[in-house]
Amino acid sequence: PTLGLVMETEVWPTLIDECRRADVPLVLTNARMSARSARRAAKFGAAAHEVFGGFSRVLAQSPADAERLTSLGARNVTVLGNLKFDMTTPPELAARGHAWRAAIGTRPVWVAASTRENEEALVLQAFAAMRTPGALLVLV
């Protein structure tokens, strides 16, 4: 690879070290770092600086994230904003969403996303136990 992109909080020391050894620049994009996580990471001192300094560039979601990441050793830090909010929805997709919303009306909707196979049985049991007439369950 000629470049590695890592999203948000996926900071894996071994990956960073291997990319460094292979001379593959690694960019932390849409980066965020909560105050709590920064305090925890700071306890690792020089090791944290080694890990966060392993990114060639860091594109932070906010000035606060940028400040915390810099304090942990990140370099070439730029505030770019949250990429998830910088997208526009294609009109045809928005129309499908509005049509779906109109079709379900005022029915309560429960979305269970990113479930695993054995969790889905529990979700189904909980949904059945709700006894909410007309409720819609969406398993993603």
C-alpha atoms as a PDB file:
ATOM      1  CA  PRO A   1       0.000   0.000   0.000  1.00  0.00           C
ATOM      2  CA  THR A   2       1.040   3.582  -0.576  1.00  0.00           C
ATOM      3  CA  LEU A   3      -1.246   5.141   2.048  1.00  0.00           C
ATOM      4  CA  GLY A   4      -3.318   3.985   5.013  1.00  0.00           C
ATOM      5  CA  LEU A   5      -6.488   5.705   6.213  1.00  0.00           C
ATOM      6  CA  VAL A   6      -7.835   4.992   9.677  1.00  0.00           C
ATOM      7  CA  MET A   7     -11.195   6.350  10.832  1.00  0.00           C
ATOM      8  CA  GLU A   8     -12.161   8.123  14.053  1.00  0.00           C
ATOM      9  CA  THR A   9     -10.811   6.218  17.044  1.00  0.00           C
ATOM     10  CA  GLU A  10      -9.270   3.133  15.448  1.00  0.00           C
ATOM     11  CA  VAL A  11      -5.838   3.527  16.987  1.00  0.00           C
ATOM     12  CA  TRP A  12      -4.052   0.176  16.815  1.00  0.00           C
ATOM     13  CA  PRO A  13      -0.408   0.398  17.962  1.00  0.00           C
ATOM     14  CA  THR A  14       0.727  -2.681  16.015  1.00  0.00           C
ATOM     15  CA  LEU A  15      -0.843  -1.403  12.785  1.00  0.00           C
ATOM     16  CA  ILE A  16       0.790   1.985  13.288  1.00  0.00           C
ATOM     17  CA  ASP A  17       4.172   0.372  13.974  1.00  0.00           C
ATOM     18  CA  GLU A  18       3.954  -1.950  10.956  1.00  0.00           C
ATOM     19  CA  CYS A  19       2.995   0.942   8.664  1.00  0.00           C
ATOM     20  CA  ARG A  20       5.947   2.919   9.996  1.00  0.00           C
ATOM     21  CA  ARG A  21       8.306  -0.024   9.322  1.00  0.00           C
ATOM     22  CA  ALA A  22       6.929  -0.455   5.792  1.00  0.00           C
ATOM     23  CA  ASP A  23       7.185   3.293   5.166  1.00  0.00           C
ATOM     24  CA  VAL A  24       3.430   3.533   4.549  1.00  0.00           C
ATOM     25  CA  PRO A  25       2.039   6.907   5.647  1.00  0.00           C
ATOM     26  CA  LEU A  26      -0.950   6.504   7.938  1.00  0.00           C
ATOM     27  CA  VAL A  27      -3.623   9.205   8.262  1.00  0.00           C
ATOM     28  CA  LEU A  28      -6.143   9.302  11.106  1.00  0.00           C
ATOM     29  CA  THR A  29      -9.252  10.770   9.481  1.00  0.00           C
ATOM     30  CA  ASN A  30     -12.417  12.087  11.106  1.00  0.00           C
ATOM     31  CA  ALA A  31     -10.409  11.787  14.319  1.00  0.00           C
ATOM     32  CA  ARG A  32     -12.011  12.255  17.678  1.00  0.00           C
ATOM     33  CA  MET A  33     -10.706  11.998  21.211  1.00  0.00           C
ATOM     34  CA  SER A  34     -12.934  12.520  24.233  1.00  0.00           C
ATOM     35  CA  ALA A  35     -11.549  14.210  27.327  1.00  0.00           C
ATOM     36  CA  ARG A  36     -11.949  10.945  29.230  1.00  0.00           C
ATOM     37  CA  SER A  37     -10.074   8.913  26.601  1.00  0.00           C
ATOM     38  CA  ALA A  38      -7.336  11.552  26.446  1.00  0.00           C
ATOM     39  CA  ARG A  39      -6.839  11.361  30.221  1.00  0.00           C
ATOM     40  CA  ARG A  40      -6.595   7.581  30.027  1.00  0.00           C
ATOM     41  CA  ALA A  41      -4.170   7.644  27.086  1.00  0.00           C
ATOM     42  CA  ALA A  42      -2.014  10.287  28.795  1.00  0.00           C
ATOM     43  CA  LYS A  43      -1.295   7.804  31.578  1.00  0.00           C
ATOM     44  CA  PHE A  44       0.821   5.882  29.060  1.00  0.00           C
ATOM     45  CA  GLY A  45       3.146   8.893  28.672  1.00  0.00           C
ATOM     46  CA  ALA A  46       5.878   8.349  26.078  1.00  0.00           C
ATOM     47  CA  ALA A  47       4.146   5.233  24.728  1.00  0.00           C
ATOM     48  CA  ALA A  48       1.060   7.301  23.849  1.00  0.00           C
ATOM     49  CA  HIS A  49       3.274   9.878  22.132  1.00  0.00           C
ATOM     50  CA  GLU A  50       4.935   7.093  20.154  1.00  0.00           C
ATOM     51  CA  VAL A  51       1.558   5.715  19.035  1.00  0.00           C
ATOM     52  CA  PHE A  52      -0.135   9.008  18.142  1.00  0.00           C
ATOM     53  CA  GLY A  53       3.089  10.349  16.662  1.00  0.00           C
ATOM     54  CA  GLY A  54       3.026   7.390  14.281  1.00  0.00           C
ATOM     55  CA  PHE A  55       0.311   8.988  12.187  1.00  0.00           C
ATOM     56  CA  SER A  56       1.676  11.049   9.306  1.00  0.00           C
ATOM     57  CA  ARG A  57      -1.322  13.331   9.553  1.00  0.00           C
ATOM     58  CA  VAL A  58      -4.393  13.674  11.756  1.00  0.00           C
ATOM     59  CA  LEU A  59      -7.638  15.215  10.503  1.00  0.00           C
ATOM     60  CA  ALA A  60      -9.646  16.049  13.622  1.00  0.00           C
ATOM     61  CA  GLN A  61     -13.384  16.601  13.936  1.00  0.00           C
ATOM     62  CA  SER A  62     -13.119  19.607  16.261  1.00  0.00           C
ATOM     63  CA  PRO A  63     -10.597  22.015  17.761  1.00  0.00           C
ATOM     64  CA  ALA A  64     -10.986  20.237  21.124  1.00  0.00           C
ATOM     65  CA  ASP A  65     -10.215  16.879  19.493  1.00  0.00           C
ATOM     66  CA  ALA A  66      -7.205  18.425  17.746  1.00  0.00           C
ATOM     67  CA  GLU A  67      -5.902  19.838  21.015  1.00  0.00           C
ATOM     68  CA  ARG A  68      -6.258  16.544  22.860  1.00  0.00           C
ATOM     69  CA  LEU A  69      -4.653  14.545  20.035  1.00  0.00           C
ATOM     70  CA  THR A  70      -1.761  17.007  19.815  1.00  0.00           C
ATOM     71  CA  SER A  71      -1.209  16.731  23.567  1.00  0.00           C
ATOM     72  CA  LEU A  72      -0.886  12.966  23.067  1.00  0.00           C
ATOM     73  CA  GLY A  73       1.842  13.346  20.442  1.00  0.00           C
ATOM     74  CA  ALA A  74      -0.111  13.600  17.186  1.00  0.00           C
ATOM     75  CA  ARG A  75       1.561  15.775  14.576  1.00  0.00           C
ATOM     76  CA  ASN A  76       0.364  17.553  11.448  1.00  0.00           C
ATOM     77  CA  VAL A  77      -3.068  17.954  13.026  1.00  0.00           C
ATOM     78  CA  THR A  78      -5.757  19.826  11.095  1.00  0.00           C
ATOM     79  CA  VAL A  79      -9.389  20.424  12.043  1.00  0.00           C
ATOM     80  CA  LEU A  80     -11.488  19.176   9.149  1.00  0.00           C
ATOM     81  CA  GLY A  81     -14.878  18.731  10.804  1.00  0.00           C
ATOM     82  CA  ASN A  82     -17.024  15.625  10.883  1.00  0.00           C
ATOM     83  CA  LEU A  83     -17.029  13.929   7.490  1.00  0.00           C
ATOM     84  CA  LYS A  84     -20.322  12.218   8.282  1.00  0.00           C
ATOM     85  CA  PHE A  85     -22.090  15.572   8.227  1.00  0.00           C
ATOM     86  CA  ASP A  86     -20.337  16.868   5.111  1.00  0.00           C
ATOM     87  CA  MET A  87     -22.272  14.594   2.788  1.00  0.00           C
ATOM     88  CA  THR A  88     -25.396  15.431   0.864  1.00  0.00           C
ATOM     89  CA  THR A  89     -28.160  12.914   0.394  1.00  0.00           C
ATOM     90  CA  PRO A  90     -28.949  12.178  -3.256  1.00  0.00           C
ATOM     91  CA  PRO A  91     -32.486  13.407  -4.028  1.00  0.00           C
ATOM     92  CA  GLU A  92     -33.709   9.946  -5.102  1.00  0.00           C
ATOM     93  CA  LEU A  93     -32.520   8.431  -1.815  1.00  0.00           C
ATOM     94  CA  ALA A  94     -34.181  11.223   0.175  1.00  0.00           C
ATOM     95  CA  ALA A  95     -37.418  10.631  -1.754  1.00  0.00           C
ATOM     96  CA  ARG A  96     -37.306   6.905  -0.932  1.00  0.00           C
ATOM     97  CA  GLY A  97     -36.764   7.740   2.741  1.00  0.00           C
ATOM     98  CA  HIS A  98     -39.709  10.150   2.797  1.00  0.00           C
ATOM     99  CA  ALA A  99     -41.912   7.568   1.047  1.00  0.00           C
ATOM    100  CA  TRP A 100     -40.935   4.907   3.579  1.00  0.00           C
ATOM    101  CA  ARG A 101     -41.651   7.270   6.469  1.00  0.00           C
ATOM    102  CA  ALA A 102     -45.062   8.087   4.989  1.00  0.00           C
ATOM    103  CA  ALA A 103     -45.807   4.370   4.535  1.00  0.00           C
ATOM    104  CA  ILE A 104     -45.146   3.517   8.179  1.00  0.00           C
ATOM    105  CA  GLY A 105     -47.060   6.534   9.420  1.00  0.00           C
ATOM    106  CA  THR A 106     -47.008   6.995  13.179  1.00  0.00           C
ATOM    107  CA  ARG A 107     -46.050   3.397  13.981  1.00  0.00           C
ATOM    108  CA  PRO A 108     -43.305   3.148  16.587  1.00  0.00           C
ATOM    109  CA  VAL A 109     -40.060   1.928  15.007  1.00  0.00           C
ATOM    110  CA  TRP A 110     -37.297   0.062  16.804  1.00  0.00           C
ATOM    111  CA  VAL A 111     -34.010  -0.268  14.916  1.00  0.00           C
ATOM    112  CA  ALA A 112     -31.551  -2.914  16.089  1.00  0.00           C
ATOM    113  CA  ALA A 113     -28.370  -2.261  14.115  1.00  0.00           C
ATOM    114  CA  SER A 114     -25.027  -4.039  13.988  1.00  0.00           C
ATOM    115  CA  THR A 115     -26.395  -7.039  15.831  1.00  0.00           C
ATOM    116  CA  ARG A 116     -24.737 -10.421  15.822  1.00  0.00           C
ATOM    117  CA  GLU A 117     -26.491 -13.682  15.085  1.00  0.00           C
ATOM    118  CA  ASN A 118     -27.023 -14.752  18.714  1.00  0.00           C
ATOM    119  CA  GLU A 119     -28.081 -11.217  19.702  1.00  0.00           C
ATOM    120  CA  GLU A 120     -30.888 -11.179  17.150  1.00  0.00           C
ATOM    121  CA  ALA A 121     -32.799 -13.899  19.007  1.00  0.00           C
ATOM    122  CA  LEU A 122     -32.666 -11.737  22.144  1.00  0.00           C
ATOM    123  CA  VAL A 123     -33.835  -8.700  20.174  1.00  0.00           C
ATOM    124  CA  LEU A 124     -36.780 -10.692  18.819  1.00  0.00           C
ATOM    125  CA  GLN A 125     -37.701 -11.866  22.330  1.00  0.00           C
ATOM    126  CA  ALA A 126     -37.527  -8.324  23.694  1.00  0.00           C
ATOM    127  CA  PHE A 127     -39.559  -6.989  20.774  1.00  0.00           C
ATOM    128  CA  ALA A 128     -42.262  -9.614  21.338  1.00  0.00           C
ATOM    129  CA  ALA A 129     -42.322  -8.780  25.048  1.00  0.00           C
ATOM    130  CA  MET A 130     -42.921  -5.077  24.321  1.00  0.00           C
ATOM    131  CA  ARG A 131     -46.515  -5.772  23.309  1.00  0.00           C
ATOM    132  CA  THR A 132     -46.726  -2.523  21.389  1.00  0.00           C
ATOM    133  CA  PRO A 133     -49.460  -2.767  18.755  1.00  0.00           C
ATOM    134  CA  GLY A 134     -48.284  -1.905  15.256  1.00  0.00           C
ATOM    135  CA  ALA A 135     -44.632  -1.555  16.242  1.00  0.00           C
ATOM    136  CA  LEU A 136     -42.086  -2.147  13.503  1.00  0.00           C
ATOM    137  CA  LEU A 137     -38.751  -3.868  14.123  1.00  0.00           C
ATOM    138  CA  VAL A 138     -35.915  -3.203  11.683  1.00  0.00           C
ATOM    139  CA  LEU A 139     -32.932  -5.539  12.035  1.00  0.00           C
ATOM    140  CA  VAL A 140     -29.864  -4.190  10.287  1.00  0.00           C
END
